[in-house]
N, C-alpha and C. Protein backbone atom coordinates (compact mmCIF):
# COMPACT_ATOMS: atom_id res chain seq x y z
N MET A 1 -23.40 4.37 3.68
CA MET A 1 -22.01 4.32 3.22
C MET A 1 -21.79 3.14 2.28
N GLY A 2 -22.78 2.27 2.12
CA GLY A 2 -22.64 1.15 1.18
C GLY A 2 -21.60 0.14 1.64
N MET A 3 -21.15 -0.70 0.72
CA MET A 3 -20.25 -1.80 1.06
C MET A 3 -18.79 -1.38 1.09
N HIS A 4 -18.44 -0.24 0.49
CA HIS A 4 -17.01 0.09 0.40
C HIS A 4 -16.45 0.58 1.72
N GLY A 5 -17.30 1.03 2.65
CA GLY A 5 -16.83 1.55 3.93
C GLY A 5 -15.94 0.56 4.69
N PRO A 6 -16.45 -0.67 4.95
CA PRO A 6 -15.64 -1.65 5.69
C PRO A 6 -14.33 -2.00 4.97
N ALA A 7 -14.36 -2.10 3.65
CA ALA A 7 -13.15 -2.44 2.88
C ALA A 7 -12.10 -1.35 3.06
N MET A 8 -12.53 -0.09 3.02
CA MET A 8 -11.61 1.04 3.16
C MET A 8 -11.05 1.07 4.58
N GLU A 9 -11.92 0.79 5.57
CA GLU A 9 -11.46 0.76 6.97
C GLU A 9 -10.43 -0.34 7.17
N ARG A 10 -10.68 -1.52 6.60
CA ARG A 10 -9.73 -2.64 6.72
C ARG A 10 -8.40 -2.27 6.10
N ALA A 11 -8.44 -1.61 4.96
CA ALA A 11 -7.20 -1.19 4.29
C ALA A 11 -6.40 -0.26 5.20
N MET A 12 -7.07 0.67 5.86
CA MET A 12 -6.39 1.61 6.74
C MET A 12 -5.80 0.90 7.97
N GLN A 13 -6.56 -0.04 8.55
CA GLN A 13 -6.07 -0.78 9.73
C GLN A 13 -4.84 -1.61 9.36
N HIS A 14 -4.92 -2.29 8.22
CA HIS A 14 -3.83 -3.14 7.74
C HIS A 14 -2.57 -2.30 7.57
N MET A 15 -2.74 -1.13 6.99
CA MET A 15 -1.61 -0.23 6.73
C MET A 15 -0.98 0.22 8.05
N GLN A 16 -1.82 0.60 9.03
CA GLN A 16 -1.30 1.08 10.31
C GLN A 16 -0.58 -0.04 11.07
N GLN A 17 -1.12 -1.26 11.01
CA GLN A 17 -0.46 -2.39 11.67
C GLN A 17 0.92 -2.61 11.06
N GLY A 18 0.99 -2.63 9.75
CA GLY A 18 2.25 -2.87 9.05
C GLY A 18 3.28 -1.80 9.35
N MET A 19 2.81 -0.57 9.53
CA MET A 19 3.73 0.54 9.77
C MET A 19 4.10 0.64 11.24
N GLY A 20 3.49 -0.19 12.10
CA GLY A 20 3.77 -0.14 13.52
C GLY A 20 4.91 -1.05 13.95
N MET A 21 5.62 -1.63 12.99
CA MET A 21 6.70 -2.56 13.34
C MET A 21 7.88 -1.82 13.97
N PRO A 22 8.67 -2.52 14.78
CA PRO A 22 9.80 -1.83 15.43
C PRO A 22 10.85 -1.38 14.41
N MET A 23 11.51 -0.29 14.73
CA MET A 23 12.55 0.26 13.85
C MET A 23 13.83 -0.56 13.98
N SER A 24 14.55 -0.66 12.89
CA SER A 24 15.81 -1.43 12.89
C SER A 24 16.98 -0.54 13.28
N GLY A 25 16.80 0.78 13.15
CA GLY A 25 17.90 1.70 13.41
C GLY A 25 18.63 2.10 12.13
N ASP A 26 18.38 1.36 11.04
CA ASP A 26 18.96 1.70 9.73
C ASP A 26 17.88 2.46 8.96
N PRO A 27 18.09 3.77 8.70
CA PRO A 27 17.03 4.56 8.07
C PRO A 27 16.61 4.03 6.70
N ASP A 28 17.55 3.46 5.94
CA ASP A 28 17.19 2.93 4.61
C ASP A 28 16.30 1.70 4.75
N VAL A 29 16.69 0.80 5.63
CA VAL A 29 15.90 -0.42 5.86
C VAL A 29 14.52 -0.04 6.39
N ASP A 30 14.48 0.88 7.35
CA ASP A 30 13.19 1.27 7.94
C ASP A 30 12.28 1.91 6.89
N PHE A 31 12.85 2.75 6.03
CA PHE A 31 12.07 3.37 4.96
C PHE A 31 11.47 2.29 4.05
N ALA A 32 12.32 1.36 3.62
CA ALA A 32 11.85 0.31 2.70
C ALA A 32 10.77 -0.54 3.36
N ARG A 33 10.99 -0.90 4.63
CA ARG A 33 10.00 -1.73 5.34
C ARG A 33 8.68 -1.00 5.54
N MET A 34 8.74 0.28 5.85
CA MET A 34 7.52 1.05 6.12
C MET A 34 6.74 1.34 4.84
N MET A 35 7.45 1.51 3.73
CA MET A 35 6.76 1.86 2.49
C MET A 35 5.94 0.70 1.94
N ILE A 36 6.33 -0.54 2.24
CA ILE A 36 5.59 -1.69 1.70
C ILE A 36 4.14 -1.70 2.20
N PRO A 37 3.89 -1.69 3.52
CA PRO A 37 2.48 -1.66 3.94
C PRO A 37 1.77 -0.37 3.54
N HIS A 38 2.51 0.73 3.45
CA HIS A 38 1.93 2.00 3.02
C HIS A 38 1.41 1.85 1.59
N HIS A 39 2.24 1.32 0.71
CA HIS A 39 1.83 1.09 -0.69
C HIS A 39 0.72 0.05 -0.76
N GLN A 40 0.83 -1.00 0.06
CA GLN A 40 -0.21 -2.04 0.04
C GLN A 40 -1.55 -1.43 0.43
N GLY A 41 -1.53 -0.50 1.39
CA GLY A 41 -2.76 0.18 1.78
C GLY A 41 -3.34 0.98 0.63
N ALA A 42 -2.46 1.65 -0.12
CA ALA A 42 -2.92 2.42 -1.29
C ALA A 42 -3.51 1.50 -2.35
N ILE A 43 -2.90 0.34 -2.55
CA ILE A 43 -3.42 -0.64 -3.52
C ILE A 43 -4.80 -1.13 -3.08
N ASP A 44 -4.94 -1.46 -1.79
CA ASP A 44 -6.23 -1.95 -1.28
C ASP A 44 -7.31 -0.88 -1.46
N MET A 45 -6.96 0.39 -1.18
CA MET A 45 -7.92 1.47 -1.33
C MET A 45 -8.29 1.66 -2.81
N ALA A 46 -7.30 1.55 -3.69
CA ALA A 46 -7.56 1.70 -5.13
C ALA A 46 -8.45 0.56 -5.64
N ARG A 47 -8.22 -0.65 -5.13
CA ARG A 47 -9.08 -1.79 -5.55
C ARG A 47 -10.52 -1.57 -5.10
N SER A 48 -10.68 -1.03 -3.89
CA SER A 48 -12.01 -0.72 -3.39
C SER A 48 -12.68 0.32 -4.29
N GLN A 49 -11.91 1.31 -4.73
CA GLN A 49 -12.44 2.33 -5.63
C GLN A 49 -12.89 1.70 -6.95
N LEU A 50 -12.10 0.78 -7.49
CA LEU A 50 -12.47 0.13 -8.76
C LEU A 50 -13.73 -0.73 -8.58
N GLU A 51 -13.87 -1.31 -7.39
CA GLU A 51 -15.03 -2.16 -7.13
C GLU A 51 -16.30 -1.34 -6.97
N HIS A 52 -16.20 -0.19 -6.30
CA HIS A 52 -17.40 0.53 -5.89
C HIS A 52 -17.54 1.92 -6.51
N GLY A 53 -16.43 2.51 -6.95
CA GLY A 53 -16.48 3.89 -7.42
C GLY A 53 -16.99 4.01 -8.85
N LYS A 54 -17.54 5.17 -9.16
CA LYS A 54 -18.14 5.40 -10.48
C LYS A 54 -17.37 6.43 -11.32
N ASP A 55 -16.68 7.34 -10.67
CA ASP A 55 -16.07 8.46 -11.39
C ASP A 55 -14.94 7.96 -12.30
N PRO A 56 -15.02 8.23 -13.62
CA PRO A 56 -14.01 7.69 -14.56
C PRO A 56 -12.59 8.19 -14.29
N GLN A 57 -12.45 9.45 -13.88
CA GLN A 57 -11.11 9.99 -13.62
C GLN A 57 -10.48 9.28 -12.41
N LEU A 58 -11.28 9.10 -11.34
CA LEU A 58 -10.76 8.43 -10.14
C LEU A 58 -10.49 6.95 -10.42
N ARG A 59 -11.30 6.33 -11.26
CA ARG A 59 -11.08 4.91 -11.60
C ARG A 59 -9.77 4.75 -12.38
N ARG A 60 -9.50 5.68 -13.31
CA ARG A 60 -8.22 5.65 -14.05
C ARG A 60 -7.05 5.83 -13.09
N MET A 61 -7.21 6.79 -12.16
CA MET A 61 -6.15 7.03 -11.18
C MET A 61 -5.92 5.79 -10.33
N ALA A 62 -7.00 5.13 -9.91
CA ALA A 62 -6.88 3.92 -9.09
C ALA A 62 -6.11 2.83 -9.84
N GLN A 63 -6.39 2.68 -11.14
CA GLN A 63 -5.67 1.68 -11.94
C GLN A 63 -4.18 2.01 -12.02
N GLU A 64 -3.87 3.29 -12.20
CA GLU A 64 -2.46 3.71 -12.27
C GLU A 64 -1.76 3.48 -10.93
N ILE A 65 -2.46 3.77 -9.82
CA ILE A 65 -1.88 3.57 -8.49
C ILE A 65 -1.53 2.10 -8.29
N ILE A 66 -2.46 1.21 -8.66
CA ILE A 66 -2.21 -0.23 -8.46
C ILE A 66 -0.95 -0.65 -9.21
N GLY A 67 -0.83 -0.27 -10.48
CA GLY A 67 0.35 -0.65 -11.27
C GLY A 67 1.64 -0.08 -10.71
N ALA A 68 1.63 1.21 -10.39
CA ALA A 68 2.85 1.87 -9.92
C ALA A 68 3.28 1.35 -8.55
N GLN A 69 2.31 1.20 -7.63
CA GLN A 69 2.65 0.80 -6.27
C GLN A 69 3.10 -0.66 -6.24
N GLU A 70 2.50 -1.52 -7.08
CA GLU A 70 2.93 -2.92 -7.12
C GLU A 70 4.38 -3.01 -7.60
N ARG A 71 4.73 -2.19 -8.59
CA ARG A 71 6.14 -2.18 -9.06
C ARG A 71 7.07 -1.69 -7.95
N GLU A 72 6.65 -0.67 -7.23
CA GLU A 72 7.50 -0.15 -6.15
C GLU A 72 7.66 -1.16 -5.03
N ILE A 73 6.58 -1.88 -4.68
CA ILE A 73 6.68 -2.91 -3.64
C ILE A 73 7.69 -3.98 -4.08
N ALA A 74 7.63 -4.39 -5.34
CA ALA A 74 8.57 -5.39 -5.84
C ALA A 74 10.01 -4.89 -5.72
N THR A 75 10.23 -3.63 -6.08
CA THR A 75 11.57 -3.02 -5.98
C THR A 75 12.03 -2.97 -4.53
N LEU A 76 11.14 -2.57 -3.61
CA LEU A 76 11.49 -2.49 -2.19
C LEU A 76 11.83 -3.87 -1.64
N LYS A 77 11.05 -4.88 -2.02
CA LYS A 77 11.31 -6.25 -1.53
C LYS A 77 12.65 -6.76 -2.05
N GLU A 78 12.95 -6.46 -3.31
CA GLU A 78 14.26 -6.85 -3.88
C GLU A 78 15.38 -6.17 -3.11
N TRP A 79 15.21 -4.87 -2.84
CA TRP A 79 16.24 -4.12 -2.12
C TRP A 79 16.45 -4.71 -0.74
N LEU A 80 15.34 -5.01 -0.02
CA LEU A 80 15.45 -5.58 1.32
C LEU A 80 16.13 -6.94 1.31
N ALA A 81 15.87 -7.73 0.27
CA ALA A 81 16.50 -9.05 0.16
C ALA A 81 18.02 -8.92 0.03
N LYS A 82 18.47 -7.83 -0.59
CA LYS A 82 19.92 -7.61 -0.77
C LYS A 82 20.55 -6.93 0.44
N HIS A 83 19.72 -6.43 1.35
CA HIS A 83 20.21 -5.73 2.54
C HIS A 83 19.59 -6.34 3.79
N PRO A 84 19.89 -7.60 4.08
CA PRO A 84 19.24 -8.23 5.24
C PRO A 84 19.69 -7.56 6.54
N LYS A 85 18.78 -7.43 7.46
CA LYS A 85 19.09 -6.80 8.76
C LYS A 85 19.21 -7.89 9.81
């Protein structure tokens, strides 16, 4: 499985831990909070793909995922800052 196996596993564990936080009861806040680790997991997986993957189409997709998800995380964090629970 080479070196990318452990990195991908860590990304999945990190994502599940982040998504395991208690619910606030506010569906908007909970959505925003849950999406951050979900996106971070996608970014970690995409970085692993760029490090170890060879397929040009998947590498392009990984680069697009990193850019899009980082922007969404920033938006979610801004939204949460304006809606403290």
